[in-house]
Amino acid sequence: MRKAALIALIVTLAGTLADAQYKRNAPSQQQAPPPRSTLTGSGLTANTVTQFPRISQDDALKLYKTDKAVFIDVRSNTQFQLGHIKGALSIPGSQLLARFKEVPHGKTVITYCACSAEQSSGRAAMDLISHGVKNVFALKGGIGEWKTTGKPTLAGPK
């Protein structure tokens, strides 16, 4: 009888211990995925939805003034001639990869378009990054914000 009581006690304790361990190690209810990281720095961010790096107008202007950046206008040649950032290259987004060799190396590359959401310039930035170009950013606010804040522009061909 003592053996049966001892075995029953051991089984009960073992079951309780196993149940406690299961509850402690059981996966919790649906956990949210970890937040996506963003590039941070002086005005630099990566949009978490479209995943391309952006640069603020002020940071772009600083690089412009120190000649440490090359701007690439990815709009059409017609739009470029109507007004562009002074010194920018005109390489429409549809021609970017075909004209890839024209992209200078050793400087920060800033793509821009007319869209304030940087859709075309973001796509161009990602194309350049995927082809090995370093330090590529899309200009936040595009050419529209650049013009309205009085930054250097030029009309006509380069």
N, C-alpha and C. Protein backbone atom coordinates (compact mmCIF):
# COMPACT_ATOMS: atom_id res chain seq x y z
N MET A 1 0.80 -1.17 0.00
CA MET A 1 0.00 0.00 0.00
C MET A 1 0.86 1.27 0.00
N ARG A 2 1.94 1.20 0.79
CA ARG A 2 2.85 2.34 0.83
C ARG A 2 3.46 2.61 -0.54
N LYS A 3 3.80 1.56 -1.25
CA LYS A 3 4.39 1.72 -2.58
C LYS A 3 3.40 2.39 -3.52
N ALA A 4 2.15 2.00 -3.47
CA ALA A 4 1.13 2.57 -4.35
C ALA A 4 0.93 4.06 -4.03
N ALA A 5 0.93 4.42 -2.74
CA ALA A 5 0.75 5.83 -2.35
C ALA A 5 1.96 6.65 -2.79
N LEU A 6 3.16 6.09 -2.65
CA LEU A 6 4.38 6.77 -3.06
C LEU A 6 4.39 6.98 -4.57
N ILE A 7 4.00 5.98 -5.33
CA ILE A 7 3.95 6.10 -6.79
C ILE A 7 2.92 7.15 -7.20
N ALA A 8 1.77 7.15 -6.54
CA ALA A 8 0.73 8.14 -6.84
C ALA A 8 1.24 9.55 -6.56
N LEU A 9 1.96 9.74 -5.47
CA LEU A 9 2.52 11.04 -5.11
C LEU A 9 3.55 11.49 -6.14
N ILE A 10 4.41 10.59 -6.56
CA ILE A 10 5.45 10.90 -7.56
C ILE A 10 4.80 11.28 -8.89
N VAL A 11 3.80 10.53 -9.31
CA VAL A 11 3.12 10.81 -10.58
C VAL A 11 2.44 12.18 -10.52
N THR A 12 1.81 12.50 -9.40
CA THR A 12 1.13 13.78 -9.24
C THR A 12 2.12 14.94 -9.29
N LEU A 13 3.23 14.80 -8.55
CA LEU A 13 4.25 15.84 -8.57
C LEU A 13 4.89 15.99 -9.94
N ALA A 14 5.15 14.91 -10.59
CA ALA A 14 5.75 14.96 -11.93
C ALA A 14 4.80 15.65 -12.92
N GLY A 15 3.51 15.34 -12.81
CA GLY A 15 2.52 15.96 -13.68
C GLY A 15 2.41 17.45 -13.45
N THR A 16 2.44 17.87 -12.18
CA THR A 16 2.37 19.29 -11.84
C THR A 16 3.60 20.03 -12.35
N LEU A 17 4.77 19.41 -12.17
CA LEU A 17 6.01 20.01 -12.64
C LEU A 17 6.01 20.13 -14.16
N ALA A 18 5.59 19.10 -14.84
CA ALA A 18 5.55 19.13 -16.31
C ALA A 18 4.59 20.20 -16.80
N ASP A 19 3.45 20.33 -16.15
CA ASP A 19 2.45 21.34 -16.53
C ASP A 19 3.01 22.75 -16.34
N ALA A 20 3.74 22.97 -15.25
CA ALA A 20 4.32 24.28 -14.97
C ALA A 20 5.38 24.63 -16.02
N GLN A 21 6.20 23.66 -16.40
CA GLN A 21 7.22 23.90 -17.41
C GLN A 21 6.58 24.19 -18.76
N TYR A 22 5.52 23.50 -19.10
CA TYR A 22 4.85 23.72 -20.37
C TYR A 22 4.31 25.14 -20.44
N LYS A 23 3.67 25.59 -19.37
CA LYS A 23 3.10 26.94 -19.35
C LYS A 23 4.18 28.00 -19.47
N ARG A 24 5.31 27.77 -18.84
CA ARG A 24 6.42 28.73 -18.89
C ARG A 24 7.06 28.79 -20.27
N ASN A 25 7.16 27.65 -20.94
CA ASN A 25 7.83 27.59 -22.24
C ASN A 25 6.88 27.65 -23.43
N ALA A 26 5.58 27.68 -23.16
CA ALA A 26 4.61 27.70 -24.26
C ALA A 26 4.71 29.01 -25.01
N PRO A 27 4.56 28.98 -26.34
CA PRO A 27 4.60 30.22 -27.10
C PRO A 27 3.43 31.11 -26.70
N SER A 28 3.72 32.39 -26.55
CA SER A 28 2.66 33.31 -26.17
C SER A 28 1.76 33.56 -27.37
N GLN A 29 0.67 34.21 -27.11
CA GLN A 29 -0.26 34.49 -28.20
C GLN A 29 0.44 35.34 -29.25
N GLN A 30 -0.10 35.37 -30.41
CA GLN A 30 0.41 36.07 -31.59
C GLN A 30 1.27 37.28 -31.20
N GLN A 31 2.56 37.18 -31.38
CA GLN A 31 3.44 38.29 -31.08
C GLN A 31 3.61 39.15 -32.31
N ALA A 32 3.70 40.45 -32.12
CA ALA A 32 3.92 41.36 -33.24
C ALA A 32 5.33 41.17 -33.77
N PRO A 33 5.51 41.29 -35.09
CA PRO A 33 6.86 41.17 -35.63
C PRO A 33 7.72 42.32 -35.12
N PRO A 34 9.02 42.13 -35.05
CA PRO A 34 9.88 43.21 -34.58
C PRO A 34 9.79 44.39 -35.55
N PRO A 35 9.93 45.60 -35.06
CA PRO A 35 9.84 46.76 -35.95
C PRO A 35 10.99 46.75 -36.94
N ARG A 36 10.70 47.28 -38.14
CA ARG A 36 11.75 47.37 -39.16
C ARG A 36 12.70 48.49 -38.79
N SER A 37 13.94 48.26 -39.09
CA SER A 37 14.91 49.30 -38.77
C SER A 37 14.87 50.38 -39.83
N THR A 38 15.31 51.56 -39.46
CA THR A 38 15.39 52.66 -40.41
C THR A 38 16.78 53.23 -40.36
N LEU A 39 17.19 53.79 -41.46
CA LEU A 39 18.44 54.52 -41.50
C LEU A 39 18.20 55.81 -40.75
N THR A 40 19.03 56.14 -39.83
CA THR A 40 18.85 57.41 -39.15
C THR A 40 20.14 58.18 -39.19
N GLY A 41 20.02 59.41 -39.09
CA GLY A 41 21.17 60.30 -39.14
C GLY A 41 20.62 61.69 -39.33
N SER A 42 21.40 62.58 -39.79
CA SER A 42 20.94 63.95 -39.95
C SER A 42 19.99 64.06 -41.13
N GLY A 43 18.74 63.69 -40.90
CA GLY A 43 17.73 63.81 -41.95
C GLY A 43 17.60 62.60 -42.84
N LEU A 44 18.37 61.56 -42.64
CA LEU A 44 18.32 60.39 -43.50
C LEU A 44 17.39 59.35 -42.90
N THR A 45 16.46 58.86 -43.70
CA THR A 45 15.58 57.81 -43.23
C THR A 45 15.29 56.85 -44.36
N ALA A 46 14.89 55.65 -44.01
CA ALA A 46 14.43 54.69 -45.00
C ALA A 46 12.95 54.50 -44.76
N ASN A 47 12.17 54.75 -45.75
CA ASN A 47 10.73 54.61 -45.63
C ASN A 47 10.41 53.15 -45.38
N THR A 48 9.65 52.84 -44.32
CA THR A 48 9.41 51.45 -43.96
C THR A 48 8.45 50.76 -44.92
N VAL A 49 7.67 51.51 -45.67
CA VAL A 49 6.74 50.89 -46.60
C VAL A 49 7.42 50.60 -47.92
N THR A 50 8.12 51.57 -48.47
CA THR A 50 8.73 51.39 -49.78
C THR A 50 10.20 51.03 -49.71
N GLN A 51 10.79 51.12 -48.55
CA GLN A 51 12.15 50.65 -48.32
C GLN A 51 13.21 51.26 -49.23
N PHE A 52 13.25 52.56 -49.32
CA PHE A 52 14.38 53.19 -50.00
C PHE A 52 14.87 54.35 -49.14
N PRO A 53 16.17 54.61 -49.18
CA PRO A 53 16.72 55.68 -48.35
C PRO A 53 16.37 57.05 -48.91
N ARG A 54 16.11 57.99 -48.03
CA ARG A 54 15.77 59.37 -48.40
C ARG A 54 16.73 60.33 -47.71
N ILE A 55 16.84 61.50 -48.29
CA ILE A 55 17.67 62.55 -47.68
C ILE A 55 16.83 63.83 -47.62
N SER A 56 16.98 64.55 -46.54
CA SER A 56 16.22 65.79 -46.37
C SER A 56 16.74 66.87 -47.33
N GLN A 57 15.91 67.85 -47.55
CA GLN A 57 16.29 68.97 -48.41
C GLN A 57 17.51 69.70 -47.83
N ASP A 58 17.53 69.91 -46.52
CA ASP A 58 18.65 70.63 -45.90
C ASP A 58 19.96 69.86 -46.02
N ASP A 59 19.92 68.55 -45.78
CA ASP A 59 21.14 67.75 -45.91
C ASP A 59 21.61 67.69 -47.36
N ALA A 60 20.66 67.62 -48.28
CA ALA A 60 21.03 67.61 -49.70
C ALA A 60 21.67 68.93 -50.09
N LEU A 61 21.15 70.04 -49.58
CA LEU A 61 21.72 71.35 -49.89
C LEU A 61 23.15 71.47 -49.36
N LYS A 62 23.39 70.93 -48.17
CA LYS A 62 24.76 70.96 -47.61
C LYS A 62 25.72 70.21 -48.53
N LEU A 63 25.31 69.03 -49.00
CA LEU A 63 26.17 68.26 -49.91
C LEU A 63 26.33 68.99 -51.24
N TYR A 64 25.28 69.66 -51.70
CA TYR A 64 25.31 70.43 -52.95
C TYR A 64 26.34 71.55 -52.84
N LYS A 65 26.28 72.30 -51.73
CA LYS A 65 27.17 73.45 -51.55
C LYS A 65 28.64 73.05 -51.42
N THR A 66 28.90 71.85 -50.93
CA THR A 66 30.29 71.39 -50.77
C THR A 66 30.73 70.50 -51.93
N ASP A 67 29.89 70.39 -52.95
CA ASP A 67 30.18 69.59 -54.16
C ASP A 67 30.49 68.13 -53.82
N LYS A 68 29.76 67.60 -52.83
CA LYS A 68 29.96 66.21 -52.42
C LYS A 68 28.84 65.30 -52.91
N ALA A 69 27.95 65.86 -53.74
CA ALA A 69 26.83 65.05 -54.24
C ALA A 69 26.61 65.33 -55.72
N VAL A 70 26.08 64.32 -56.37
CA VAL A 70 25.62 64.48 -57.74
C VAL A 70 24.12 64.23 -57.72
N PHE A 71 23.38 65.12 -58.36
CA PHE A 71 21.93 65.00 -58.42
C PHE A 71 21.55 64.40 -59.76
N ILE A 72 20.64 63.44 -59.73
CA ILE A 72 20.14 62.83 -60.96
C ILE A 72 18.64 63.07 -61.04
N ASP A 73 18.24 63.81 -62.07
CA ASP A 73 16.83 64.10 -62.33
C ASP A 73 16.28 62.93 -63.13
N VAL A 74 15.34 62.19 -62.56
CA VAL A 74 14.81 61.01 -63.23
C VAL A 74 13.50 61.30 -63.98
N ARG A 75 13.15 62.59 -64.09
CA ARG A 75 11.97 62.97 -64.86
C ARG A 75 12.32 62.95 -66.35
N SER A 76 11.37 63.22 -67.19
CA SER A 76 11.61 63.24 -68.64
C SER A 76 12.53 64.40 -69.00
N ASN A 77 13.15 64.32 -70.17
CA ASN A 77 14.02 65.40 -70.63
C ASN A 77 13.25 66.72 -70.78
N THR A 78 12.00 66.64 -71.19
CA THR A 78 11.16 67.84 -71.33
C THR A 78 10.98 68.51 -69.98
N GLN A 79 10.65 67.72 -68.97
CA GLN A 79 10.48 68.28 -67.62
C GLN A 79 11.80 68.86 -67.10
N PHE A 80 12.90 68.18 -67.40
CA PHE A 80 14.22 68.65 -66.98
C PHE A 80 14.49 70.04 -67.55
N GLN A 81 14.18 70.23 -68.85
CA GLN A 81 14.44 71.51 -69.50
C GLN A 81 13.57 72.64 -68.96
N LEU A 82 12.43 72.31 -68.40
CA LEU A 82 11.56 73.33 -67.82
C LEU A 82 12.09 73.85 -66.47
N GLY A 83 12.96 73.10 -65.85
CA GLY A 83 13.57 73.51 -64.59
C GLY A 83 14.11 72.33 -63.83
N HIS A 84 15.35 72.47 -63.37
CA HIS A 84 16.02 71.38 -62.65
C HIS A 84 17.00 71.95 -61.64
N ILE A 85 17.51 71.09 -60.78
CA ILE A 85 18.54 71.50 -59.83
C ILE A 85 19.80 71.80 -60.62
N LYS A 86 20.36 72.96 -60.36
CA LYS A 86 21.55 73.41 -61.08
C LYS A 86 22.66 72.36 -60.95
N GLY A 87 23.19 71.91 -62.09
CA GLY A 87 24.27 70.93 -62.11
C GLY A 87 23.81 69.48 -62.16
N ALA A 88 22.50 69.26 -62.11
CA ALA A 88 21.97 67.88 -62.11
C ALA A 88 22.14 67.21 -63.46
N LEU A 89 22.26 65.89 -63.43
CA LEU A 89 22.26 65.09 -64.65
C LEU A 89 20.83 64.72 -64.99
N SER A 90 20.50 64.72 -66.27
CA SER A 90 19.17 64.28 -66.69
C SER A 90 19.27 62.84 -67.19
N ILE A 91 18.80 61.92 -66.37
CA ILE A 91 18.75 60.52 -66.76
C ILE A 91 17.35 60.01 -66.38
N PRO A 92 16.41 60.05 -67.33
CA PRO A 92 15.06 59.58 -67.00
C PRO A 92 15.09 58.17 -66.41
N GLY A 93 14.18 57.92 -65.48
CA GLY A 93 14.14 56.64 -64.79
C GLY A 93 14.11 55.44 -65.73
N SER A 94 13.42 55.58 -66.86
CA SER A 94 13.33 54.46 -67.81
C SER A 94 14.66 54.18 -68.50
N GLN A 95 15.60 55.13 -68.44
CA GLN A 95 16.90 54.97 -69.10
C GLN A 95 18.05 54.74 -68.11
N LEU A 96 17.73 54.77 -66.84
CA LEU A 96 18.77 54.77 -65.81
C LEU A 96 19.73 53.59 -65.92
N LEU A 97 19.21 52.40 -66.03
CA LEU A 97 20.10 51.23 -66.08
C LEU A 97 20.87 51.15 -67.39
N ALA A 98 20.27 51.60 -68.47
CA ALA A 98 20.97 51.61 -69.76
C ALA A 98 22.10 52.64 -69.76
N ARG A 99 21.94 53.70 -68.98
CA ARG A 99 22.94 54.78 -68.91
C ARG A 99 23.70 54.74 -67.59
N PHE A 100 23.75 53.59 -66.99
CA PHE A 100 24.35 53.37 -65.68
C PHE A 100 25.78 53.90 -65.60
N LYS A 101 26.55 53.79 -66.67
CA LYS A 101 27.96 54.21 -66.66
C LYS A 101 28.12 55.72 -66.49
N GLU A 102 27.06 56.48 -66.70
CA GLU A 102 27.12 57.93 -66.56
C GLU A 102 27.04 58.38 -65.09
N VAL A 103 26.68 57.47 -64.21
CA VAL A 103 26.56 57.81 -62.80
C VAL A 103 27.96 57.90 -62.20
N PRO A 104 28.35 59.09 -61.73
CA PRO A 104 29.70 59.26 -61.17
C PRO A 104 29.89 58.46 -59.88
N HIS A 105 31.10 58.02 -59.67
CA HIS A 105 31.45 57.28 -58.45
C HIS A 105 32.19 58.22 -57.50
N GLY A 106 32.16 57.90 -56.23
CA GLY A 106 32.90 58.68 -55.24
C GLY A 106 32.13 59.84 -54.63
N LYS A 107 30.91 60.08 -55.07
CA LYS A 107 30.08 61.13 -54.49
C LYS A 107 28.76 60.51 -54.05
N THR A 108 28.07 61.19 -53.17
CA THR A 108 26.73 60.79 -52.79
C THR A 108 25.82 61.04 -53.99
N VAL A 109 24.99 60.08 -54.32
CA VAL A 109 24.06 60.22 -55.44
C VAL A 109 22.68 60.51 -54.88
N ILE A 110 22.08 61.61 -55.36
CA ILE A 110 20.74 62.01 -54.92
C ILE A 110 19.84 62.04 -56.14
N THR A 111 18.86 61.14 -56.14
CA THR A 111 17.89 61.11 -57.23
C THR A 111 16.69 61.97 -56.84
N TYR A 112 16.07 62.59 -57.84
CA TYR A 112 14.86 63.35 -57.53
C TYR A 112 13.90 63.30 -58.70
N CYS A 113 12.62 63.56 -58.37
CA CYS A 113 11.56 63.59 -59.37
C CYS A 113 10.59 64.70 -58.98
N ALA A 114 9.44 64.75 -59.62
CA ALA A 114 8.45 65.79 -59.33
C ALA A 114 7.52 65.39 -58.20
N CYS A 115 7.48 64.13 -57.87
CA CYS A 115 6.53 63.60 -56.90
C CYS A 115 7.00 63.86 -55.47
N SER A 116 6.11 64.40 -54.64
CA SER A 116 6.49 64.67 -53.25
C SER A 116 6.65 63.38 -52.45
N ALA A 117 6.13 62.25 -52.96
CA ALA A 117 6.27 60.96 -52.27
C ALA A 117 7.52 60.21 -52.74
N GLU A 118 8.28 60.80 -53.64
CA GLU A 118 9.54 60.24 -54.15
C GLU A 118 9.38 58.86 -54.77
N GLN A 119 8.29 58.60 -55.46
CA GLN A 119 8.08 57.27 -56.02
C GLN A 119 9.09 56.95 -57.13
N SER A 120 9.22 57.82 -58.11
CA SER A 120 10.15 57.56 -59.21
C SER A 120 11.60 57.64 -58.74
N SER A 121 11.90 58.64 -57.93
CA SER A 121 13.28 58.78 -57.46
C SER A 121 13.65 57.66 -56.50
N GLY A 122 12.68 57.17 -55.72
CA GLY A 122 12.92 56.04 -54.83
C GLY A 122 13.21 54.77 -55.61
N ARG A 123 12.44 54.56 -56.67
CA ARG A 123 12.67 53.38 -57.53
C ARG A 123 14.06 53.48 -58.16
N ALA A 124 14.43 54.68 -58.62
CA ALA A 124 15.75 54.88 -59.23
C ALA A 124 16.86 54.64 -58.20
N ALA A 125 16.66 55.13 -56.98
CA ALA A 125 17.66 54.92 -55.93
C ALA A 125 17.85 53.43 -55.66
N MET A 126 16.74 52.69 -55.59
CA MET A 126 16.84 51.25 -55.34
C MET A 126 17.51 50.53 -56.51
N ASP A 127 17.24 50.96 -57.73
CA ASP A 127 17.91 50.36 -58.90
C ASP A 127 19.43 50.56 -58.81
N LEU A 128 19.84 51.77 -58.45
CA LEU A 128 21.28 52.04 -58.34
C LEU A 128 21.91 51.24 -57.21
N ILE A 129 21.22 51.18 -56.08
CA ILE A 129 21.74 50.40 -54.94
C ILE A 129 21.87 48.94 -55.31
N SER A 130 20.87 48.40 -56.02
CA SER A 130 20.92 46.98 -56.39
C SER A 130 22.03 46.69 -57.41
N HIS A 131 22.54 47.73 -58.05
CA HIS A 131 23.65 47.56 -58.98
C HIS A 131 24.99 48.00 -58.37
N GLY A 132 25.02 48.10 -57.04
CA GLY A 132 26.29 48.31 -56.35
C GLY A 132 26.69 49.74 -56.07
N VAL A 133 25.86 50.71 -56.41
CA VAL A 133 26.22 52.10 -56.13
C VAL A 133 25.99 52.37 -54.64
N LYS A 134 26.95 52.98 -54.01
CA LYS A 134 26.88 53.28 -52.57
C LYS A 134 26.39 54.71 -52.37
N ASN A 135 25.87 54.99 -51.19
CA ASN A 135 25.44 56.34 -50.81
C ASN A 135 24.45 56.95 -51.79
N VAL A 136 23.34 56.27 -51.99
CA VAL A 136 22.29 56.74 -52.88
C VAL A 136 21.06 57.07 -52.05
N PHE A 137 20.46 58.21 -52.33
CA PHE A 137 19.27 58.66 -51.60
C PHE A 137 18.30 59.32 -52.56
N ALA A 138 17.03 59.25 -52.22
CA ALA A 138 15.99 59.99 -52.94
C ALA A 138 15.75 61.28 -52.17
N LEU A 139 15.58 62.37 -52.89
CA LEU A 139 15.38 63.68 -52.28
C LEU A 139 13.96 63.81 -51.75
N LYS A 140 13.83 64.02 -50.44
CA LYS A 140 12.51 64.22 -49.84
C LYS A 140 11.86 65.46 -50.43
N GLY A 141 10.60 65.33 -50.84
CA GLY A 141 9.87 66.48 -51.36
C GLY A 141 10.10 66.76 -52.83
N GLY A 142 11.11 66.15 -53.42
CA GLY A 142 11.37 66.30 -54.85
C GLY A 142 11.73 67.72 -55.27
N ILE A 143 11.68 67.92 -56.58
CA ILE A 143 12.05 69.21 -57.16
C ILE A 143 11.08 70.31 -56.74
N GLY A 144 9.83 69.96 -56.51
CA GLY A 144 8.83 70.96 -56.11
C GLY A 144 9.22 71.68 -54.83
N GLU A 145 9.59 70.91 -53.81
CA GLU A 145 10.00 71.53 -52.54
C GLU A 145 11.32 72.28 -52.70
N TRP A 146 12.22 71.74 -53.51
CA TRP A 146 13.51 72.39 -53.75
C TRP A 146 13.28 73.79 -54.33
N LYS A 147 12.38 73.88 -55.31
CA LYS A 147 12.09 75.18 -55.94
C LYS A 147 11.38 76.13 -54.99
N THR A 148 10.36 75.64 -54.28
CA THR A 148 9.57 76.53 -53.43
C THR A 148 10.36 77.08 -52.25
N THR A 149 11.45 76.43 -51.89
CA THR A 149 12.27 76.93 -50.79
C THR A 149 13.45 77.77 -51.30
N GLY A 150 13.44 78.06 -52.60
CA GLY A 150 14.44 78.98 -53.16
C GLY A 150 15.83 78.43 -53.36
N LYS A 151 15.96 77.12 -53.44
CA LYS A 151 17.27 76.52 -53.66
C LYS A 151 17.65 76.65 -55.14
N PRO A 152 18.95 76.52 -55.48
CA PRO A 152 19.43 76.78 -56.83
C PRO A 152 18.81 75.86 -57.91
N THR A 153 18.21 76.51 -58.91
CA THR A 153 17.65 75.79 -60.05
C THR A 153 18.08 76.47 -61.34
N LEU A 154 17.85 75.78 -62.42
CA LEU A 154 18.20 76.27 -63.75
C LEU A 154 17.18 75.73 -64.73
N ALA A 155 16.88 76.50 -65.77
CA ALA A 155 15.98 76.02 -66.82
C ALA A 155 16.79 75.83 -68.10
N GLY A 156 16.28 75.01 -68.99
CA GLY A 156 16.96 74.71 -70.25
C GLY A 156 17.88 73.52 -70.11
N PRO A 157 18.55 73.17 -71.21
CA PRO A 157 19.46 72.03 -71.13
C PRO A 157 20.63 72.35 -70.20
N LYS A 158 21.18 71.35 -69.62
CA LYS A 158 22.27 71.44 -68.64
C LYS A 158 23.07 72.69 -68.84
